[in-house]
Amino acid sequence: MRQVLLALALLGPVAACATPGTQFVPSQKSAVELRAMQARTVPADADATMRGVIATLHDLGYRITRVEPEARTVSATRRTSLRMAVVVQPRGPAESTVRANASIVALTREAQVDSPEFYQRDFFEPLQATLNRTVAALPADAPLPEAPRPVAELNTAREREAAATRAAAPTVTSPAGMQLQ
């Protein structure tokens, strides 16, 4: 167990910066299942909900990497390998839809999180507490924003240097057709 934890600790910083050649592995769940786990309705206007989303992400230990106010989208990173993107869409003057999309980044792979428990326990329940409002499942026929892909910014000199080193490394194709660096 200690060896596994040590290996994860050593690989964590390496996994932090996915290269452009990183393979994205989408969820194997249906669109309906993803919708049910990733989206909720909030009885608050879009601006208040957006502020609540940002506060919740901060409270959960995420580093905000990008905010796009016009698109009402927030991207954040936690522990260098967990990324979350959240979009807020107004549903009326006093109601909003929130859709969260998380992914876990490893060396050359980014996998979409498709655990309903993760979204409920690790995002929507804290968001509900931050907003002090009940966050509810969406009706099946409600319009829903697209699930944005989380974006990681290269904020530190170390992150930018590591990305530049990886980009300069030659790419070799294995006999199985996989790209190796």
N, C-alpha and C. Protein backbone atom coordinates (compact mmCIF):
# COMPACT_ATOMS: atom_id res chain seq x y z
N MET A 1 0.83 -1.19 0.00
CA MET A 1 0.00 0.00 0.00
C MET A 1 0.87 1.25 0.00
N ARG A 2 1.93 1.26 0.80
CA ARG A 2 2.82 2.41 0.84
C ARG A 2 3.48 2.64 -0.51
N GLN A 3 3.83 1.54 -1.19
CA GLN A 3 4.47 1.68 -2.50
C GLN A 3 3.50 2.31 -3.50
N VAL A 4 2.25 1.93 -3.43
CA VAL A 4 1.26 2.50 -4.34
C VAL A 4 1.09 3.98 -4.06
N LEU A 5 0.98 4.36 -2.79
CA LEU A 5 0.85 5.77 -2.43
C LEU A 5 2.07 6.56 -2.85
N LEU A 6 3.27 5.99 -2.67
CA LEU A 6 4.49 6.66 -3.07
C LEU A 6 4.52 6.86 -4.58
N ALA A 7 4.12 5.84 -5.33
CA ALA A 7 4.09 5.95 -6.79
C ALA A 7 3.10 7.03 -7.22
N LEU A 8 1.94 7.09 -6.58
CA LEU A 8 0.96 8.12 -6.91
C LEU A 8 1.48 9.51 -6.57
N ALA A 9 2.16 9.63 -5.45
CA ALA A 9 2.71 10.92 -5.06
C ALA A 9 3.77 11.38 -6.05
N LEU A 10 4.56 10.46 -6.56
CA LEU A 10 5.59 10.83 -7.52
C LEU A 10 5.02 11.13 -8.90
N LEU A 11 3.94 10.45 -9.28
CA LEU A 11 3.36 10.65 -10.59
C LEU A 11 2.36 11.81 -10.62
N GLY A 12 1.86 12.23 -9.48
CA GLY A 12 0.88 13.31 -9.43
C GLY A 12 1.30 14.56 -10.15
N PRO A 13 2.50 15.11 -9.88
CA PRO A 13 2.92 16.33 -10.58
C PRO A 13 3.07 16.11 -12.08
N VAL A 14 3.48 14.94 -12.49
CA VAL A 14 3.62 14.65 -13.91
C VAL A 14 2.25 14.62 -14.57
N ALA A 15 1.27 14.09 -13.87
CA ALA A 15 -0.08 13.98 -14.43
C ALA A 15 -0.80 15.31 -14.51
N ALA A 16 -0.27 16.32 -13.83
CA ALA A 16 -0.94 17.60 -13.74
C ALA A 16 -1.12 18.29 -15.08
N CYS A 17 -0.19 18.13 -15.94
CA CYS A 17 -0.23 18.85 -17.21
C CYS A 17 -0.45 17.89 -18.35
N ALA A 18 -1.66 17.83 -18.81
CA ALA A 18 -1.93 16.95 -19.94
C ALA A 18 -1.42 17.63 -21.21
N THR A 19 -0.81 16.88 -22.07
CA THR A 19 -0.29 17.43 -23.32
C THR A 19 -1.39 17.43 -24.36
N PRO A 20 -1.18 18.17 -25.44
CA PRO A 20 -2.20 18.16 -26.48
C PRO A 20 -2.47 16.76 -27.03
N GLY A 21 -1.53 15.83 -26.90
CA GLY A 21 -1.71 14.47 -27.37
C GLY A 21 -2.44 13.58 -26.38
N THR A 22 -2.95 14.15 -25.32
CA THR A 22 -3.66 13.37 -24.31
C THR A 22 -4.95 12.82 -24.90
N GLN A 23 -5.19 11.54 -24.68
CA GLN A 23 -6.39 10.89 -25.19
C GLN A 23 -7.54 11.12 -24.22
N PHE A 24 -8.65 11.65 -24.71
CA PHE A 24 -9.84 11.85 -23.89
C PHE A 24 -10.70 10.60 -23.96
N VAL A 25 -11.05 10.07 -22.80
CA VAL A 25 -11.89 8.87 -22.73
C VAL A 25 -13.25 9.29 -22.17
N PRO A 26 -14.26 9.39 -23.04
CA PRO A 26 -15.58 9.80 -22.56
C PRO A 26 -16.24 8.70 -21.74
N SER A 27 -17.25 9.08 -21.01
CA SER A 27 -18.02 8.13 -20.22
C SER A 27 -18.69 7.10 -21.13
N GLN A 28 -18.86 5.91 -20.62
CA GLN A 28 -19.57 4.87 -21.34
C GLN A 28 -21.07 4.89 -21.01
N LYS A 29 -21.47 5.80 -20.13
CA LYS A 29 -22.89 5.91 -19.77
C LYS A 29 -23.65 6.64 -20.86
N SER A 30 -24.93 6.42 -20.91
CA SER A 30 -25.76 7.09 -21.91
C SER A 30 -25.88 8.58 -21.61
N ALA A 31 -26.30 9.33 -22.61
CA ALA A 31 -26.49 10.77 -22.44
C ALA A 31 -27.52 11.06 -21.35
N VAL A 32 -28.54 10.23 -21.26
CA VAL A 32 -29.59 10.41 -20.24
C VAL A 32 -29.01 10.20 -18.84
N GLU A 33 -28.19 9.17 -18.68
CA GLU A 33 -27.55 8.92 -17.38
C GLU A 33 -26.61 10.05 -16.99
N LEU A 34 -25.81 10.52 -17.96
CA LEU A 34 -24.89 11.64 -17.67
C LEU A 34 -25.67 12.88 -17.27
N ARG A 35 -26.72 13.16 -17.98
CA ARG A 35 -27.56 14.33 -17.69
C ARG A 35 -28.09 14.27 -16.26
N ALA A 36 -28.57 13.10 -15.88
CA ALA A 36 -29.15 12.93 -14.54
C ALA A 36 -28.12 13.16 -13.43
N MET A 37 -26.88 12.77 -13.67
CA MET A 37 -25.88 12.93 -12.61
C MET A 37 -25.19 14.28 -12.64
N GLN A 38 -25.12 14.94 -13.80
CA GLN A 38 -24.34 16.16 -13.94
C GLN A 38 -25.14 17.45 -13.81
N ALA A 39 -26.45 17.41 -13.88
CA ALA A 39 -27.23 18.65 -13.94
C ALA A 39 -28.25 18.75 -12.81
N ARG A 40 -28.41 19.98 -12.35
CA ARG A 40 -29.41 20.28 -11.31
C ARG A 40 -30.02 21.65 -11.59
N THR A 41 -31.19 21.86 -11.03
CA THR A 41 -31.82 23.18 -11.09
C THR A 41 -31.68 23.84 -9.73
N VAL A 42 -31.48 25.16 -9.77
CA VAL A 42 -31.25 25.93 -8.55
C VAL A 42 -32.25 27.08 -8.52
N PRO A 43 -32.96 27.27 -7.41
CA PRO A 43 -33.90 28.39 -7.32
C PRO A 43 -33.17 29.71 -6.99
N ALA A 44 -32.36 30.17 -7.94
CA ALA A 44 -31.63 31.43 -7.79
C ALA A 44 -31.30 31.95 -9.18
N ASP A 45 -31.15 33.26 -9.33
CA ASP A 45 -30.81 33.81 -10.63
C ASP A 45 -29.41 33.36 -11.04
N ALA A 46 -29.09 33.48 -12.31
CA ALA A 46 -27.83 32.96 -12.85
C ALA A 46 -26.60 33.62 -12.23
N ASP A 47 -26.67 34.93 -11.95
CA ASP A 47 -25.51 35.61 -11.36
C ASP A 47 -25.22 35.10 -9.96
N ALA A 48 -26.25 34.96 -9.14
CA ALA A 48 -26.05 34.44 -7.78
C ALA A 48 -25.57 32.99 -7.83
N THR A 49 -26.10 32.22 -8.76
CA THR A 49 -25.69 30.83 -8.89
C THR A 49 -24.24 30.75 -9.33
N MET A 50 -23.83 31.60 -10.27
CA MET A 50 -22.44 31.62 -10.73
C MET A 50 -21.50 31.96 -9.58
N ARG A 51 -21.84 32.94 -8.79
CA ARG A 51 -21.02 33.28 -7.61
C ARG A 51 -20.96 32.10 -6.64
N GLY A 52 -22.09 31.41 -6.47
CA GLY A 52 -22.12 30.24 -5.59
C GLY A 52 -21.25 29.10 -6.11
N VAL A 53 -21.25 28.89 -7.42
CA VAL A 53 -20.42 27.85 -8.03
C VAL A 53 -18.94 28.15 -7.77
N ILE A 54 -18.53 29.39 -8.00
CA ILE A 54 -17.13 29.76 -7.78
C ILE A 54 -16.76 29.61 -6.32
N ALA A 55 -17.62 30.06 -5.41
CA ALA A 55 -17.34 29.93 -3.97
C ALA A 55 -17.26 28.46 -3.57
N THR A 56 -18.14 27.64 -4.10
CA THR A 56 -18.14 26.21 -3.78
C THR A 56 -16.85 25.55 -4.25
N LEU A 57 -16.44 25.84 -5.47
CA LEU A 57 -15.19 25.27 -5.98
C LEU A 57 -14.01 25.69 -5.11
N HIS A 58 -13.97 26.96 -4.72
CA HIS A 58 -12.89 27.42 -3.82
C HIS A 58 -12.94 26.66 -2.50
N ASP A 59 -14.13 26.55 -1.92
CA ASP A 59 -14.28 25.85 -0.64
C ASP A 59 -13.85 24.38 -0.73
N LEU A 60 -14.03 23.77 -1.89
CA LEU A 60 -13.66 22.37 -2.09
C LEU A 60 -12.18 22.19 -2.41
N GLY A 61 -11.44 23.28 -2.47
CA GLY A 61 -9.99 23.19 -2.70
C GLY A 61 -9.57 23.25 -4.15
N TYR A 62 -10.46 23.64 -5.03
CA TYR A 62 -10.12 23.77 -6.44
C TYR A 62 -9.41 25.11 -6.68
N ARG A 63 -8.54 25.12 -7.66
CA ARG A 63 -7.93 26.36 -8.14
C ARG A 63 -8.70 26.73 -9.40
N ILE A 64 -9.26 27.91 -9.42
CA ILE A 64 -10.01 28.37 -10.58
C ILE A 64 -9.00 28.65 -11.70
N THR A 65 -9.19 28.00 -12.85
CA THR A 65 -8.24 28.17 -13.95
C THR A 65 -8.81 29.03 -15.07
N ARG A 66 -10.12 29.11 -15.18
CA ARG A 66 -10.71 29.96 -16.20
C ARG A 66 -12.15 30.27 -15.82
N VAL A 67 -12.53 31.53 -16.01
CA VAL A 67 -13.92 31.95 -15.86
C VAL A 67 -14.29 32.68 -17.14
N GLU A 68 -15.37 32.26 -17.76
CA GLU A 68 -15.88 32.92 -18.95
C GLU A 68 -17.27 33.47 -18.62
N PRO A 69 -17.33 34.73 -18.17
CA PRO A 69 -18.61 35.29 -17.71
C PRO A 69 -19.71 35.29 -18.78
N GLU A 70 -19.36 35.56 -20.04
CA GLU A 70 -20.38 35.59 -21.09
C GLU A 70 -20.99 34.21 -21.30
N ALA A 71 -20.15 33.18 -21.22
CA ALA A 71 -20.64 31.81 -21.40
C ALA A 71 -21.10 31.20 -20.09
N ARG A 72 -20.89 31.92 -18.99
CA ARG A 72 -21.22 31.46 -17.63
C ARG A 72 -20.59 30.10 -17.35
N THR A 73 -19.30 30.00 -17.67
CA THR A 73 -18.55 28.75 -17.49
C THR A 73 -17.36 28.98 -16.58
N VAL A 74 -17.13 28.01 -15.69
CA VAL A 74 -15.99 28.05 -14.78
C VAL A 74 -15.24 26.74 -14.92
N SER A 75 -13.92 26.81 -15.06
CA SER A 75 -13.07 25.61 -15.05
C SER A 75 -12.17 25.69 -13.84
N ALA A 76 -11.92 24.55 -13.22
CA ALA A 76 -11.09 24.52 -12.01
C ALA A 76 -10.32 23.20 -11.94
N THR A 77 -9.22 23.22 -11.19
CA THR A 77 -8.37 22.04 -11.03
C THR A 77 -8.13 21.81 -9.55
N ARG A 78 -8.12 20.55 -9.14
CA ARG A 78 -7.82 20.20 -7.74
C ARG A 78 -6.84 19.04 -7.73
N ARG A 79 -5.88 19.14 -6.87
CA ARG A 79 -4.86 18.08 -6.71
C ARG A 79 -4.20 17.71 -8.03
N THR A 80 -4.05 18.67 -8.88
CA THR A 80 -3.37 18.58 -10.17
C THR A 80 -3.94 17.57 -11.16
N SER A 81 -4.78 16.66 -10.74
CA SER A 81 -5.28 15.67 -11.70
C SER A 81 -6.80 15.62 -11.80
N LEU A 82 -7.51 16.36 -10.98
CA LEU A 82 -8.97 16.38 -11.02
C LEU A 82 -9.40 17.73 -11.57
N ARG A 83 -10.14 17.70 -12.66
CA ARG A 83 -10.61 18.93 -13.29
C ARG A 83 -12.12 18.96 -13.31
N MET A 84 -12.66 20.17 -13.18
CA MET A 84 -14.11 20.33 -13.17
C MET A 84 -14.46 21.56 -14.01
N ALA A 85 -15.46 21.43 -14.85
CA ALA A 85 -16.02 22.56 -15.59
C ALA A 85 -17.50 22.63 -15.24
N VAL A 86 -17.97 23.83 -14.99
CA VAL A 86 -19.37 24.03 -14.60
C VAL A 86 -19.94 25.15 -15.47
N VAL A 87 -21.13 24.91 -15.99
CA VAL A 87 -21.83 25.94 -16.76
C VAL A 87 -23.15 26.23 -16.05
N VAL A 88 -23.50 27.52 -16.00
CA VAL A 88 -24.75 27.97 -15.39
C VAL A 88 -25.60 28.58 -16.49
N GLN A 89 -26.85 28.13 -16.57
CA GLN A 89 -27.76 28.62 -17.60
C GLN A 89 -29.03 29.13 -16.93
N PRO A 90 -29.43 30.37 -17.22
CA PRO A 90 -30.68 30.87 -16.63
C PRO A 90 -31.88 30.10 -17.16
N ARG A 91 -32.83 29.81 -16.27
CA ARG A 91 -34.09 29.14 -16.67
C ARG A 91 -35.27 30.08 -16.51
N GLY A 92 -35.02 31.24 -16.01
CA GLY A 92 -36.05 32.24 -15.75
C GLY A 92 -35.43 33.29 -14.86
N PRO A 93 -36.21 34.25 -14.39
CA PRO A 93 -35.62 35.32 -13.58
C PRO A 93 -35.10 34.85 -12.22
N ALA A 94 -35.62 33.75 -11.71
CA ALA A 94 -35.21 33.30 -10.37
C ALA A 94 -34.86 31.82 -10.33
N GLU A 95 -34.43 31.27 -11.46
CA GLU A 95 -34.06 29.86 -11.49
C GLU A 95 -32.95 29.65 -12.52
N SER A 96 -32.04 28.72 -12.18
CA SER A 96 -30.90 28.43 -13.06
C SER A 96 -30.69 26.93 -13.16
N THR A 97 -30.03 26.53 -14.25
CA THR A 97 -29.59 25.16 -14.43
C THR A 97 -28.08 25.15 -14.27
N VAL A 98 -27.57 24.18 -13.53
CA VAL A 98 -26.13 24.02 -13.34
C VAL A 98 -25.75 22.66 -13.88
N ARG A 99 -24.73 22.63 -14.73
CA ARG A 99 -24.21 21.35 -15.22
C ARG A 99 -22.71 21.30 -14.95
N ALA A 100 -22.29 20.25 -14.26
CA ALA A 100 -20.88 20.05 -13.92
C ALA A 100 -20.34 18.87 -14.72
N ASN A 101 -19.10 18.98 -15.10
CA ASN A 101 -18.44 17.89 -15.82
C ASN A 101 -17.03 17.77 -15.26
N ALA A 102 -16.68 16.61 -14.78
CA ALA A 102 -15.36 16.39 -14.18
C ALA A 102 -14.58 15.37 -14.97
N SER A 103 -13.26 15.50 -14.90
CA SER A 103 -12.39 14.51 -15.53
C SER A 103 -11.15 14.32 -14.68
N ILE A 104 -10.57 13.15 -14.81
CA ILE A 104 -9.34 12.81 -14.10
C ILE A 104 -8.25 12.67 -15.15
N VAL A 105 -7.14 13.37 -14.92
CA VAL A 105 -6.05 13.40 -15.89
C VAL A 105 -4.90 12.56 -15.38
N ALA A 106 -4.42 11.66 -16.23
CA ALA A 106 -3.22 10.86 -15.96
C ALA A 106 -2.19 11.23 -17.03
N LEU A 107 -1.15 10.45 -17.14
CA LEU A 107 -0.05 10.79 -18.03
C LEU A 107 -0.48 11.12 -19.46
N THR A 108 -1.16 10.25 -20.13
CA THR A 108 -1.56 10.50 -21.52
C THR A 108 -3.05 10.25 -21.71
N ARG A 109 -3.80 10.31 -20.64
CA ARG A 109 -5.21 9.95 -20.69
C ARG A 109 -6.01 10.87 -19.80
N GLU A 110 -7.14 11.32 -20.30
CA GLU A 110 -8.08 12.11 -19.51
C GLU A 110 -9.42 11.38 -19.57
N ALA A 111 -9.93 10.97 -18.42
CA ALA A 111 -11.16 10.19 -18.37
C ALA A 111 -12.27 10.99 -17.70
N GLN A 112 -13.42 10.97 -18.32
CA GLN A 112 -14.59 11.66 -17.77
C GLN A 112 -15.09 10.92 -16.54
N VAL A 113 -15.39 11.67 -15.48
CA VAL A 113 -15.94 11.08 -14.27
C VAL A 113 -17.41 10.79 -14.52
N ASP A 114 -17.83 9.55 -14.25
CA ASP A 114 -19.23 9.21 -14.47
C ASP A 114 -19.85 8.52 -13.26
N SER A 115 -19.49 9.02 -12.09
CA SER A 115 -20.03 8.50 -10.85
C SER A 115 -21.09 9.47 -10.31
N PRO A 116 -22.34 9.04 -10.22
CA PRO A 116 -23.38 9.92 -9.68
C PRO A 116 -23.06 10.37 -8.26
N GLU A 117 -22.45 9.47 -7.48
CA GLU A 117 -22.10 9.81 -6.09
C GLU A 117 -21.09 10.94 -6.05
N PHE A 118 -20.12 10.94 -6.98
CA PHE A 118 -19.12 12.01 -7.02
C PHE A 118 -19.80 13.36 -7.22
N TYR A 119 -20.64 13.46 -8.24
CA TYR A 119 -21.27 14.75 -8.53
C TYR A 119 -22.17 15.20 -7.38
N GLN A 120 -22.94 14.27 -6.81
CA GLN A 120 -23.84 14.64 -5.73
C GLN A 120 -23.07 15.04 -4.47
N ARG A 121 -22.20 14.15 -4.00
CA ARG A 121 -21.48 14.36 -2.74
C ARG A 121 -20.40 15.43 -2.84
N ASP A 122 -19.68 15.43 -3.97
CA ASP A 122 -18.50 16.28 -4.08
C ASP A 122 -18.73 17.57 -4.86
N PHE A 123 -19.96 17.84 -5.25
CA PHE A 123 -20.24 19.15 -5.85
C PHE A 123 -21.62 19.68 -5.50
N PHE A 124 -22.68 18.96 -5.81
CA PHE A 124 -24.01 19.53 -5.63
C PHE A 124 -24.42 19.72 -4.17
N GLU A 125 -24.06 18.80 -3.28
CA GLU A 125 -24.38 19.02 -1.86
C GLU A 125 -23.63 20.23 -1.30
N PRO A 126 -22.32 20.39 -1.57
CA PRO A 126 -21.64 21.61 -1.13
C PRO A 126 -22.21 22.88 -1.78
N LEU A 127 -22.60 22.80 -3.06
CA LEU A 127 -23.21 23.96 -3.71
C LEU A 127 -24.51 24.34 -3.02
N GLN A 128 -25.31 23.34 -2.69
CA GLN A 128 -26.57 23.58 -1.98
C GLN A 128 -26.30 24.28 -0.65
N ALA A 129 -25.28 23.85 0.08
CA ALA A 129 -24.94 24.47 1.36
C ALA A 129 -24.45 25.91 1.17
N THR A 130 -23.64 26.13 0.14
CA THR A 130 -23.14 27.48 -0.12
C THR A 130 -24.28 28.43 -0.46
N LEU A 131 -25.19 28.00 -1.32
CA LEU A 131 -26.30 28.85 -1.75
C LEU A 131 -27.42 28.92 -0.72
N ASN A 132 -27.42 27.97 0.22
CA ASN A 132 -28.48 27.86 1.20
C ASN A 132 -29.85 27.74 0.52
N ARG A 133 -29.85 26.93 -0.53
CA ARG A 133 -31.06 26.67 -1.31
C ARG A 133 -31.08 25.20 -1.71
N THR A 134 -32.23 24.68 -1.98
CA THR A 134 -32.36 23.29 -2.39
C THR A 134 -32.00 23.15 -3.87
N VAL A 135 -31.09 22.25 -4.14
CA VAL A 135 -30.67 21.95 -5.51
C VAL A 135 -31.41 20.68 -5.90
N ALA A 136 -32.16 20.72 -7.02
CA ALA A 136 -33.02 19.59 -7.38
C ALA A 136 -32.67 19.04 -8.77
N ALA A 137 -33.07 17.80 -9.00
CA ALA A 137 -32.90 17.18 -10.31
C ALA A 137 -33.75 17.93 -11.33
N LEU A 138 -33.29 17.92 -12.55
CA LEU A 138 -34.01 18.58 -13.63
C LEU A 138 -35.15 17.72 -14.14
N PRO A 139 -36.23 18.33 -14.59
CA PRO A 139 -37.28 17.56 -15.28
C PRO A 139 -36.68 16.97 -16.56
N ALA A 140 -37.17 15.83 -16.98
CA ALA A 140 -36.61 15.13 -18.13
C ALA A 140 -36.68 15.95 -19.42
N ASP A 141 -37.67 16.82 -19.56
CA ASP A 141 -37.82 17.58 -20.79
C ASP A 141 -37.16 18.96 -20.74
N ALA A 142 -36.46 19.28 -19.66
CA ALA A 142 -35.83 20.60 -19.52
C ALA A 142 -34.65 20.74 -20.46
N PRO A 143 -34.51 21.92 -21.09
CA PRO A 143 -33.32 22.14 -21.93
C PRO A 143 -32.08 22.15 -21.04
N LEU A 144 -30.99 21.67 -21.60
CA LEU A 144 -29.78 21.51 -20.80
C LEU A 144 -28.58 22.01 -21.57
N PRO A 145 -27.70 22.76 -20.90
CA PRO A 145 -26.49 23.21 -21.59
C PRO A 145 -25.57 22.02 -21.86
N GLU A 146 -24.73 22.18 -22.88
CA GLU A 146 -23.72 21.16 -23.16
C GLU A 146 -22.78 21.05 -21.97
N ALA A 147 -22.25 19.87 -21.74
CA ALA A 147 -21.28 19.66 -20.66
C ALA A 147 -19.91 20.12 -21.16
N PRO A 148 -19.41 21.23 -20.64
CA PRO A 148 -18.12 21.72 -21.12
C PRO A 148 -16.98 20.82 -20.65
N ARG A 149 -15.92 20.73 -21.44
CA ARG A 149 -14.72 20.00 -21.02
C ARG A 149 -13.93 20.90 -20.09
N PRO A 150 -13.44 20.37 -18.98
CA PRO A 150 -12.61 21.17 -18.08
C PRO A 150 -11.34 21.64 -18.79
N VAL A 151 -10.94 22.86 -18.49
CA VAL A 151 -9.74 23.45 -19.08
C VAL A 151 -8.74 23.71 -17.98
N ALA A 152 -7.50 23.33 -18.21
CA ALA A 152 -6.44 23.61 -17.25
C ALA A 152 -5.54 24.68 -17.83
N GLU A 153 -5.29 25.70 -17.08
CA GLU A 153 -4.35 26.73 -17.48
C GLU A 153 -2.98 26.37 -16.93
N LEU A 154 -1.95 26.73 -17.64
CA LEU A 154 -0.59 26.52 -17.15
C LEU A 154 -0.21 27.79 -16.39
N ASN A 155 -0.44 27.78 -15.08
CA ASN A 155 -0.31 28.99 -14.28
C ASN A 155 1.08 29.23 -13.71
N THR A 156 1.83 28.20 -13.47
CA THR A 156 3.13 28.39 -12.85
C THR A 156 4.24 28.19 -13.86
N ALA A 157 5.39 28.77 -13.58
CA ALA A 157 6.55 28.60 -14.46
C ALA A 157 6.90 27.12 -14.59
N ARG A 158 6.78 26.38 -13.53
CA ARG A 158 7.07 24.95 -13.54
C ARG A 158 6.14 24.19 -14.49
N GLU A 159 4.83 24.53 -14.46
CA GLU A 159 3.86 23.89 -15.35
C GLU A 159 4.16 24.24 -16.81
N ARG A 160 4.47 25.51 -17.08
CA ARG A 160 4.78 25.92 -18.46
C ARG A 160 6.05 25.24 -18.96
N GLU A 161 7.07 25.12 -18.10
CA GLU A 161 8.32 24.46 -18.47
C GLU A 161 8.09 22.98 -18.77
N ALA A 162 7.31 22.31 -17.93
CA ALA A 162 7.03 20.89 -18.15
C ALA A 162 6.27 20.68 -19.46
N ALA A 163 5.31 21.54 -19.76
CA ALA A 163 4.55 21.43 -21.00
C ALA A 163 5.45 21.67 -22.21
N ALA A 164 6.35 22.63 -22.12
CA ALA A 164 7.27 22.91 -23.22
C ALA A 164 8.21 21.74 -23.44
N THR A 165 8.67 21.11 -22.37
CA THR A 165 9.56 19.95 -22.48
C THR A 165 8.85 18.80 -23.16
N ARG A 166 7.60 18.55 -22.76
CA ARG A 166 6.84 17.47 -23.38
C ARG A 166 6.56 17.75 -24.84
N ALA A 167 6.27 19.01 -25.17
CA ALA A 167 5.97 19.38 -26.55
C ALA A 167 7.20 19.20 -27.44
N ALA A 168 8.39 19.41 -26.88
CA ALA A 168 9.62 19.29 -27.66
C ALA A 168 10.08 17.84 -27.78
N ALA A 169 9.56 16.95 -26.95
CA ALA A 169 9.97 15.54 -26.99
C ALA A 169 9.48 14.89 -28.27
N PRO A 170 10.32 14.08 -28.91
CA PRO A 170 9.88 13.42 -30.15
C PRO A 170 8.78 12.41 -29.86
N THR A 171 7.86 12.28 -30.79
CA THR A 171 6.76 11.32 -30.67
C THR A 171 7.10 10.10 -31.51
N VAL A 172 6.98 8.93 -30.92
CA VAL A 172 7.26 7.66 -31.60
C VAL A 172 5.97 6.86 -31.57
N THR A 173 5.69 6.17 -32.65
CA THR A 173 4.49 5.35 -32.71
C THR A 173 4.88 3.89 -32.47
N SER A 174 4.21 3.25 -31.52
CA SER A 174 4.47 1.86 -31.21
C SER A 174 3.88 0.96 -32.29
N PRO A 175 4.27 -0.32 -32.32
CA PRO A 175 3.68 -1.25 -33.29
C PRO A 175 2.16 -1.33 -33.17
N ALA A 176 1.64 -1.09 -31.98
CA ALA A 176 0.18 -1.16 -31.78
C ALA A 176 -0.52 0.12 -32.22
N GLY A 177 0.25 1.11 -32.70
CA GLY A 177 -0.34 2.35 -33.16
C GLY A 177 -0.49 3.41 -32.09
N MET A 178 0.02 3.17 -30.89
CA MET A 178 -0.09 4.14 -29.80
C MET A 178 1.09 5.11 -29.87
N GLN A 179 0.82 6.38 -29.59
CA GLN A 179 1.88 7.36 -29.60
C GLN A 179 2.64 7.32 -28.27
N LEU A 180 3.94 7.31 -28.35
CA LEU A 180 4.80 7.30 -27.17
C LEU A 180 5.69 8.52 -27.22
N GLN A 181 6.04 9.04 -26.06
CA GLN A 181 6.98 10.16 -26.02
C GLN A 181 8.20 9.79 -25.26
